[in-house]
Amino acid sequence: MQTNQPATSLLYDLPSIVDRISLQALFARPQPIEVELGCGDASFLVEHASRNQDRNFIGVERLLGRLGKLDRKGRRAALTNLCGIRIESAYFLKYLLPARSAAALHVYFPDPWPKKKHHKNRLINEKFPELAGQALLPGGSIFLRTDDRAYFAQMVEVFQSCREFEPAETPAHLAAVVTDFEAEFNSKGIPTLYAAYRLRSP
């Protein structure tokens, strides 16, 4: 039986962890780039990439098993505008993604590290806006979602304290594409908390 699934893996093996990646090596077509930091089982990213063929998408994830799901789902959908990279998210922004290259960043349901002594491990902390500002094009956006109210308050606080970003809205068409965690939480009556910020132009 024939399939339209691409033969090659959608996972990108980093040639170096100290040199910034070449976006031309990731995608055949030069298009605006969006990045999901912590892509889970890739439910959101595969659907979002399928709906937006005029953009390229990078899924960043530490866990190889989750990236395997991105690869399988993406190839099953015959996507050529999607790739996965195995690395820690903050490191990827700081050292590997070319500066001013992303049109959007997505951070959905990151680990809340609920114990106070572990808050320092949260991805969205006081240092994160600087990393996001380095990665985004002027006018680019970061979209955030969580179910954790305390973490959400921290997200809002760190971005409100950063003059380089201004509040924005999460478009309805984007909110309509849910993640795996989101679907699970919503089924239990746990609402999604949304925030979005836009990098101001110089």
C-alpha atoms as a PDB file:
ATOM      1  CA  MET A   1       0.000   0.000   0.000  1.00  0.00           C
ATOM      2  CA  GLN A   2       1.351   3.392  -0.977  1.00  0.00           C
ATOM      3  CA  THR A   3       1.605   6.283   1.449  1.00  0.00           C
ATOM      4  CA  ASN A   4       2.328   9.967   1.050  1.00  0.00           C
ATOM      5  CA  GLN A   5       4.398   9.945   4.244  1.00  0.00           C
ATOM      6  CA  PRO A   6       7.845  11.499   3.665  1.00  0.00           C
ATOM      7  CA  ALA A   7      10.599   8.892   3.882  1.00  0.00           C
ATOM      8  CA  THR A   8      13.055  11.066   5.788  1.00  0.00           C
ATOM      9  CA  SER A   9      12.777  11.855   9.482  1.00  0.00           C
ATOM     10  CA  LEU A  10      11.474  15.245  10.565  1.00  0.00           C
ATOM     11  CA  LEU A  11      13.918  15.234  13.477  1.00  0.00           C
ATOM     12  CA  TYR A  12      17.012  17.375  13.058  1.00  0.00           C
ATOM     13  CA  ASP A  13      20.285  16.112  14.479  1.00  0.00           C
ATOM     14  CA  LEU A  14      22.194  19.113  15.742  1.00  0.00           C
ATOM     15  CA  PRO A  15      25.667  19.226  14.168  1.00  0.00           C
ATOM     16  CA  SER A  16      26.805  21.374  17.096  1.00  0.00           C
ATOM     17  CA  ILE A  17      25.421  22.581  20.409  1.00  0.00           C
ATOM     18  CA  VAL A  18      27.517  25.738  20.370  1.00  0.00           C
ATOM     19  CA  ASP A  19      26.875  27.061  16.849  1.00  0.00           C
ATOM     20  CA  ARG A  20      23.567  28.568  15.788  1.00  0.00           C
ATOM     21  CA  ILE A  21      21.511  26.409  13.455  1.00  0.00           C
ATOM     22  CA  SER A  22      21.082  27.155   9.773  1.00  0.00           C
ATOM     23  CA  LEU A  23      17.404  27.605   9.021  1.00  0.00           C
ATOM     24  CA  GLN A  24      18.168  26.826   5.381  1.00  0.00           C
ATOM     25  CA  ALA A  25      19.312  23.375   6.508  1.00  0.00           C
ATOM     26  CA  LEU A  26      15.981  22.758   8.233  1.00  0.00           C
ATOM     27  CA  PHE A  27      13.525  23.785   5.548  1.00  0.00           C
ATOM     28  CA  ALA A  28      13.528  23.750   1.763  1.00  0.00           C
ATOM     29  CA  ARG A  29      11.314  26.838   1.540  1.00  0.00           C
ATOM     30  CA  PRO A  30      12.262  30.132   3.259  1.00  0.00           C
ATOM     31  CA  GLN A  31       9.137  31.105   5.187  1.00  0.00           C
ATOM     32  CA  PRO A  32       8.324  32.795   8.505  1.00  0.00           C
ATOM     33  CA  ILE A  33       9.381  30.619  11.447  1.00  0.00           C
ATOM     34  CA  GLU A  34       7.324  29.696  14.506  1.00  0.00           C
ATOM     35  CA  VAL A  35       8.739  27.730  17.446  1.00  0.00           C
ATOM     36  CA  GLU A  36       6.973  25.674  20.097  1.00  0.00           C
ATOM     37  CA  LEU A  37       9.065  25.272  23.235  1.00  0.00           C
ATOM     38  CA  GLY A  38       8.141  21.972  24.837  1.00  0.00           C
ATOM     39  CA  CYS A  39       5.941  20.440  22.155  1.00  0.00           C
ATOM     40  CA  GLY A  40       4.620  17.464  24.142  1.00  0.00           C
ATOM     41  CA  ASP A  41       3.085  14.854  21.883  1.00  0.00           C
ATOM     42  CA  ALA A  42       2.986  17.433  19.047  1.00  0.00           C
ATOM     43  CA  SER A  43      -0.823  17.473  18.833  1.00  0.00           C
ATOM     44  CA  PHE A  44      -0.895  21.259  18.652  1.00  0.00           C
ATOM     45  CA  LEU A  45       2.129  21.740  16.423  1.00  0.00           C
ATOM     46  CA  VAL A  46       1.171  19.188  13.769  1.00  0.00           C
ATOM     47  CA  GLU A  47      -2.331  20.630  13.508  1.00  0.00           C
ATOM     48  CA  HIS A  48      -1.066  24.216  13.459  1.00  0.00           C
ATOM     49  CA  ALA A  49       1.552  23.401  10.816  1.00  0.00           C
ATOM     50  CA  SER A  50      -1.068  21.611   8.725  1.00  0.00           C
ATOM     51  CA  ARG A  51      -3.292  24.676   8.778  1.00  0.00           C
ATOM     52  CA  ASN A  52      -0.452  27.094   7.968  1.00  0.00           C
ATOM     53  CA  GLN A  53       1.581  25.716   5.090  1.00  0.00           C
ATOM     54  CA  ASP A  54       2.988  29.187   4.404  1.00  0.00           C
ATOM     55  CA  ARG A  55       5.027  29.040   7.628  1.00  0.00           C
ATOM     56  CA  ASN A  56       7.762  26.769   8.956  1.00  0.00           C
ATOM     57  CA  PHE A  57       7.573  25.264  12.438  1.00  0.00           C
ATOM     58  CA  ILE A  58      10.168  23.992  14.896  1.00  0.00           C
ATOM     59  CA  GLY A  59       9.205  21.815  17.849  1.00  0.00           C
ATOM     60  CA  VAL A  60      11.722  21.848  20.713  1.00  0.00           C
ATOM     61  CA  GLU A  61      11.551  19.038  23.257  1.00  0.00           C
ATOM     62  CA  ARG A  62      13.917  17.311  25.703  1.00  0.00           C
ATOM     63  CA  LEU A  63      12.241  13.899  25.611  1.00  0.00           C
ATOM     64  CA  LEU A  64      13.023  11.687  22.655  1.00  0.00           C
ATOM     65  CA  GLY A  65       9.777   9.739  22.961  1.00  0.00           C
ATOM     66  CA  ARG A  66       7.735  12.890  22.509  1.00  0.00           C
ATOM     67  CA  LEU A  67       9.800  13.938  19.514  1.00  0.00           C
ATOM     68  CA  GLY A  68       9.146  10.508  18.043  1.00  0.00           C
ATOM     69  CA  LYS A  69       5.449  11.375  18.100  1.00  0.00           C
ATOM     70  CA  LEU A  70       6.148  14.640  16.286  1.00  0.00           C
ATOM     71  CA  ASP A  71       8.044  12.712  13.637  1.00  0.00           C
ATOM     72  CA  ARG A  72       5.351  10.073  13.151  1.00  0.00           C
ATOM     73  CA  LYS A  73       2.417  12.482  13.146  1.00  0.00           C
ATOM     74  CA  GLY A  74       4.177  15.024  10.953  1.00  0.00           C
ATOM     75  CA  ARG A  75       5.214  12.469   8.340  1.00  0.00           C
ATOM     76  CA  ARG A  76       1.758  10.895   8.383  1.00  0.00           C
ATOM     77  CA  ALA A  77       0.373  14.345   7.547  1.00  0.00           C
ATOM     78  CA  ALA A  78       3.045  14.731   4.814  1.00  0.00           C
ATOM     79  CA  LEU A  79       4.323  17.953   6.354  1.00  0.00           C
ATOM     80  CA  THR A  80       7.443  19.514   4.900  1.00  0.00           C
ATOM     81  CA  ASN A  81       7.181  22.679   7.009  1.00  0.00           C
ATOM     82  CA  LEU A  82       7.843  20.994  10.353  1.00  0.00           C
ATOM     83  CA  CYS A  83      10.902  19.713  12.192  1.00  0.00           C
ATOM     84  CA  GLY A  84      11.768  18.635  15.726  1.00  0.00           C
ATOM     85  CA  ILE A  85      14.915  19.351  17.729  1.00  0.00           C
ATOM     86  CA  ARG A  86      15.923  17.605  20.949  1.00  0.00           C
ATOM     87  CA  ILE A  87      17.342  20.184  23.345  1.00  0.00           C
ATOM     88  CA  GLU A  88      16.366  22.164  26.423  1.00  0.00           C
ATOM     89  CA  SER A  89      14.174  25.134  25.502  1.00  0.00           C
ATOM     90  CA  ALA A  90      16.013  28.016  27.177  1.00  0.00           C
ATOM     91  CA  TYR A  91      19.343  26.745  25.826  1.00  0.00           C
ATOM     92  CA  PHE A  92      17.847  26.569  22.330  1.00  0.00           C
ATOM     93  CA  LEU A  93      16.737  30.204  22.474  1.00  0.00           C
ATOM     94  CA  LYS A  94      19.956  31.476  23.988  1.00  0.00           C
ATOM     95  CA  TYR A  95      22.531  29.626  21.917  1.00  0.00           C
ATOM     96  CA  LEU A  96      21.038  27.866  18.870  1.00  0.00           C
ATOM     97  CA  LEU A  97      18.180  29.800  17.296  1.00  0.00           C
ATOM     98  CA  PRO A  98      19.449  32.641  15.080  1.00  0.00           C
ATOM     99  CA  ALA A  99      18.714  36.044  16.582  1.00  0.00           C
ATOM    100  CA  ARG A 100      15.617  37.873  15.340  1.00  0.00           C
ATOM    101  CA  SER A 101      14.450  34.878  13.321  1.00  0.00           C
ATOM    102  CA  ALA A 102      11.101  33.796  14.817  1.00  0.00           C
ATOM    103  CA  ALA A 103       7.743  35.317  13.991  1.00  0.00           C
ATOM    104  CA  ALA A 104       6.155  33.594  16.990  1.00  0.00           C
ATOM    105  CA  LEU A 105       6.997  31.524  20.048  1.00  0.00           C
ATOM    106  CA  HIS A 106       4.521  29.136  21.661  1.00  0.00           C
ATOM    107  CA  VAL A 107       4.843  27.957  25.276  1.00  0.00           C
ATOM    108  CA  TYR A 108       1.925  25.792  26.313  1.00  0.00           C
ATOM    109  CA  PHE A 109       1.512  24.086  29.680  1.00  0.00           C
ATOM    110  CA  PRO A 110       5.171  24.143  30.709  1.00  0.00           C
ATOM    111  CA  ASP A 111       6.099  22.246  33.867  1.00  0.00           C
ATOM    112  CA  PRO A 112       4.841  24.484  36.731  1.00  0.00           C
ATOM    113  CA  TRP A 113       7.356  23.183  39.270  1.00  0.00           C
ATOM    114  CA  PRO A 114       4.751  23.809  42.020  1.00  0.00           C
ATOM    115  CA  LYS A 115       7.055  23.603  45.043  1.00  0.00           C
ATOM    116  CA  LYS A 116       8.441  27.019  45.930  1.00  0.00           C
ATOM    117  CA  LYS A 117      12.010  25.744  46.150  1.00  0.00           C
ATOM    118  CA  HIS A 118      11.708  24.532  42.552  1.00  0.00           C
ATOM    119  CA  HIS A 119      10.328  27.779  41.065  1.00  0.00           C
ATOM    120  CA  LYS A 120      13.831  28.601  39.826  1.00  0.00           C
ATOM    121  CA  ASN A 121      13.425  25.744  37.335  1.00  0.00           C
ATOM    122  CA  ARG A 122      10.424  27.314  35.584  1.00  0.00           C
ATOM    123  CA  LEU A 123      10.974  28.184  31.941  1.00  0.00           C
ATOM    124  CA  ILE A 124       9.069  31.460  32.212  1.00  0.00           C
ATOM    125  CA  ASN A 125      11.095  33.414  34.748  1.00  0.00           C
ATOM    126  CA  GLU A 126      12.585  36.897  35.007  1.00  0.00           C
ATOM    127  CA  LYS A 127      15.267  35.996  32.445  1.00  0.00           C
ATOM    128  CA  PHE A 128      12.901  34.612  29.824  1.00  0.00           C
ATOM    129  CA  PRO A 129      11.679  37.871  28.206  1.00  0.00           C
ATOM    130  CA  GLU A 130      15.261  38.697  27.262  1.00  0.00           C
ATOM    131  CA  LEU A 131      15.645  35.296  25.576  1.00  0.00           C
ATOM    132  CA  ALA A 132      12.323  35.713  23.789  1.00  0.00           C
ATOM    133  CA  GLY A 133      13.245  39.230  22.691  1.00  0.00           C
ATOM    134  CA  GLN A 134      16.506  37.938  21.265  1.00  0.00           C
ATOM    135  CA  ALA A 135      14.706  35.229  19.270  1.00  0.00           C
ATOM    136  CA  LEU A 136      11.727  37.182  17.921  1.00  0.00           C
ATOM    137  CA  LEU A 137      11.493  39.473  14.940  1.00  0.00           C
ATOM    138  CA  PRO A 138      10.309  43.003  15.804  1.00  0.00           C
ATOM    139  CA  GLY A 139       6.544  42.732  16.051  1.00  0.00           C
ATOM    140  CA  GLY A 140       6.790  39.006  16.736  1.00  0.00           C
ATOM    141  CA  SER A 141       4.586  37.417  19.366  1.00  0.00           C
ATOM    142  CA  ILE A 142       4.822  34.954  22.208  1.00  0.00           C
ATOM    143  CA  PHE A 143       1.744  32.935  23.102  1.00  0.00           C
ATOM    144  CA  LEU A 144       1.403  31.372  26.551  1.00  0.00           C
ATOM    145  CA  ARG A 145      -1.042  28.874  28.044  1.00  0.00           C
ATOM    146  CA  THR A 146      -1.237  27.100  31.383  1.00  0.00           C
ATOM    147  CA  ASP A 147      -3.731  25.643  33.811  1.00  0.00           C
ATOM    148  CA  ASP A 148      -1.672  26.708  36.854  1.00  0.00           C
ATOM    149  CA  ARG A 149      -2.907  30.026  38.283  1.00  0.00           C
ATOM    150  CA  ALA A 150       0.226  30.738  40.314  1.00  0.00           C
ATOM    151  CA  TYR A 151       2.481  30.130  37.328  1.00  0.00           C
ATOM    152  CA  PHE A 152       0.187  32.206  35.141  1.00  0.00           C
ATOM    153  CA  ALA A 153       0.524  35.121  37.569  1.00  0.00           C
ATOM    154  CA  GLN A 154       4.306  34.798  37.311  1.00  0.00           C
ATOM    155  CA  MET A 155       4.146  34.750  33.503  1.00  0.00           C
ATOM    156  CA  VAL A 156       2.099  37.942  33.459  1.00  0.00           C
ATOM    157  CA  GLU A 157       4.340  39.629  36.012  1.00  0.00           C
ATOM    158  CA  VAL A 158       7.613  38.972  34.181  1.00  0.00           C
ATOM    159  CA  PHE A 159       6.277  40.225  30.839  1.00  0.00           C
ATOM    160  CA  GLN A 160       4.535  43.256  32.320  1.00  0.00           C
ATOM    161  CA  SER A 161       7.869  44.209  33.872  1.00  0.00           C
ATOM    162  CA  CYS A 162       9.579  44.163  30.483  1.00  0.00           C
ATOM    163  CA  ARG A 163       9.202  47.346  28.425  1.00  0.00           C
ATOM    164  CA  GLU A 164      10.201  45.583  25.215  1.00  0.00           C
ATOM    165  CA  PHE A 165       6.900  43.680  25.175  1.00  0.00           C
ATOM    166  CA  GLU A 166       3.311  44.863  24.996  1.00  0.00           C
ATOM    167  CA  PRO A 167       0.148  42.820  25.741  1.00  0.00           C
ATOM    168  CA  ALA A 168      -1.556  41.175  22.783  1.00  0.00           C
ATOM    169  CA  GLU A 169      -4.540  38.924  22.133  1.00  0.00           C
ATOM    170  CA  THR A 170      -4.514  35.206  21.402  1.00  0.00           C
ATOM    171  CA  PRO A 171      -6.353  34.887  18.062  1.00  0.00           C
ATOM    172  CA  ALA A 172      -9.460  32.708  18.178  1.00  0.00           C
ATOM    173  CA  HIS A 173      -8.166  30.482  15.376  1.00  0.00           C
ATOM    174  CA  LEU A 174      -5.020  29.798  17.411  1.00  0.00           C
ATOM    175  CA  ALA A 175      -6.867  29.141  20.666  1.00  0.00           C
ATOM    176  CA  ALA A 176      -9.029  26.639  18.793  1.00  0.00           C
ATOM    177  CA  VAL A 177      -6.014  24.347  18.283  1.00  0.00           C
ATOM    178  CA  VAL A 178      -5.557  22.581  21.621  1.00  0.00           C
ATOM    179  CA  THR A 179      -2.607  20.678  23.044  1.00  0.00           C
ATOM    180  CA  ASP A 180      -2.696  17.175  24.492  1.00  0.00           C
ATOM    181  CA  PHE A 181      -2.472  18.466  28.078  1.00  0.00           C
ATOM    182  CA  GLU A 182      -5.078  21.112  27.365  1.00  0.00           C
ATOM    183  CA  ALA A 183      -7.602  18.581  26.069  1.00  0.00           C
ATOM    184  CA  GLU A 184      -7.066  16.445  29.148  1.00  0.00           C
ATOM    185  CA  PHE A 185      -7.406  19.351  31.584  1.00  0.00           C
ATOM    186  CA  ASN A 186     -10.438  20.807  29.814  1.00  0.00           C
ATOM    187  CA  SER A 187     -12.176  17.416  29.924  1.00  0.00           C
ATOM    188  CA  LYS A 188     -11.867  17.614  33.724  1.00  0.00           C
ATOM    189  CA  GLY A 189     -13.315  21.110  33.840  1.00  0.00           C
ATOM    190  CA  ILE A 190      -9.935  22.830  34.315  1.00  0.00           C
ATOM    191  CA  PRO A 191      -9.873  26.022  32.200  1.00  0.00           C
ATOM    192  CA  THR A 192      -7.013  27.244  30.051  1.00  0.00           C
ATOM    193  CA  LEU A 193      -5.368  30.514  31.020  1.00  0.00           C
ATOM    194  CA  TYR A 194      -4.085  32.508  28.033  1.00  0.00           C
ATOM    195  CA  ALA A 195      -1.590  35.348  27.705  1.00  0.00           C
ATOM    196  CA  ALA A 196       0.143  36.843  24.680  1.00  0.00           C
ATOM    197  CA  TYR A 197       2.771  39.542  24.207  1.00  0.00           C
ATOM    198  CA  ARG A 198       4.200  41.329  21.177  1.00  0.00           C
ATOM    199  CA  LEU A 199       7.794  42.490  20.849  1.00  0.00           C
ATOM    200  CA  ARG A 200       7.746  46.225  20.257  1.00  0.00           C
ATOM    201  CA  SER A 201       9.470  47.522  17.162  1.00  0.00           C
ATOM    202  CA  PRO A 202      12.648  49.525  17.870  1.00  0.00           C
END
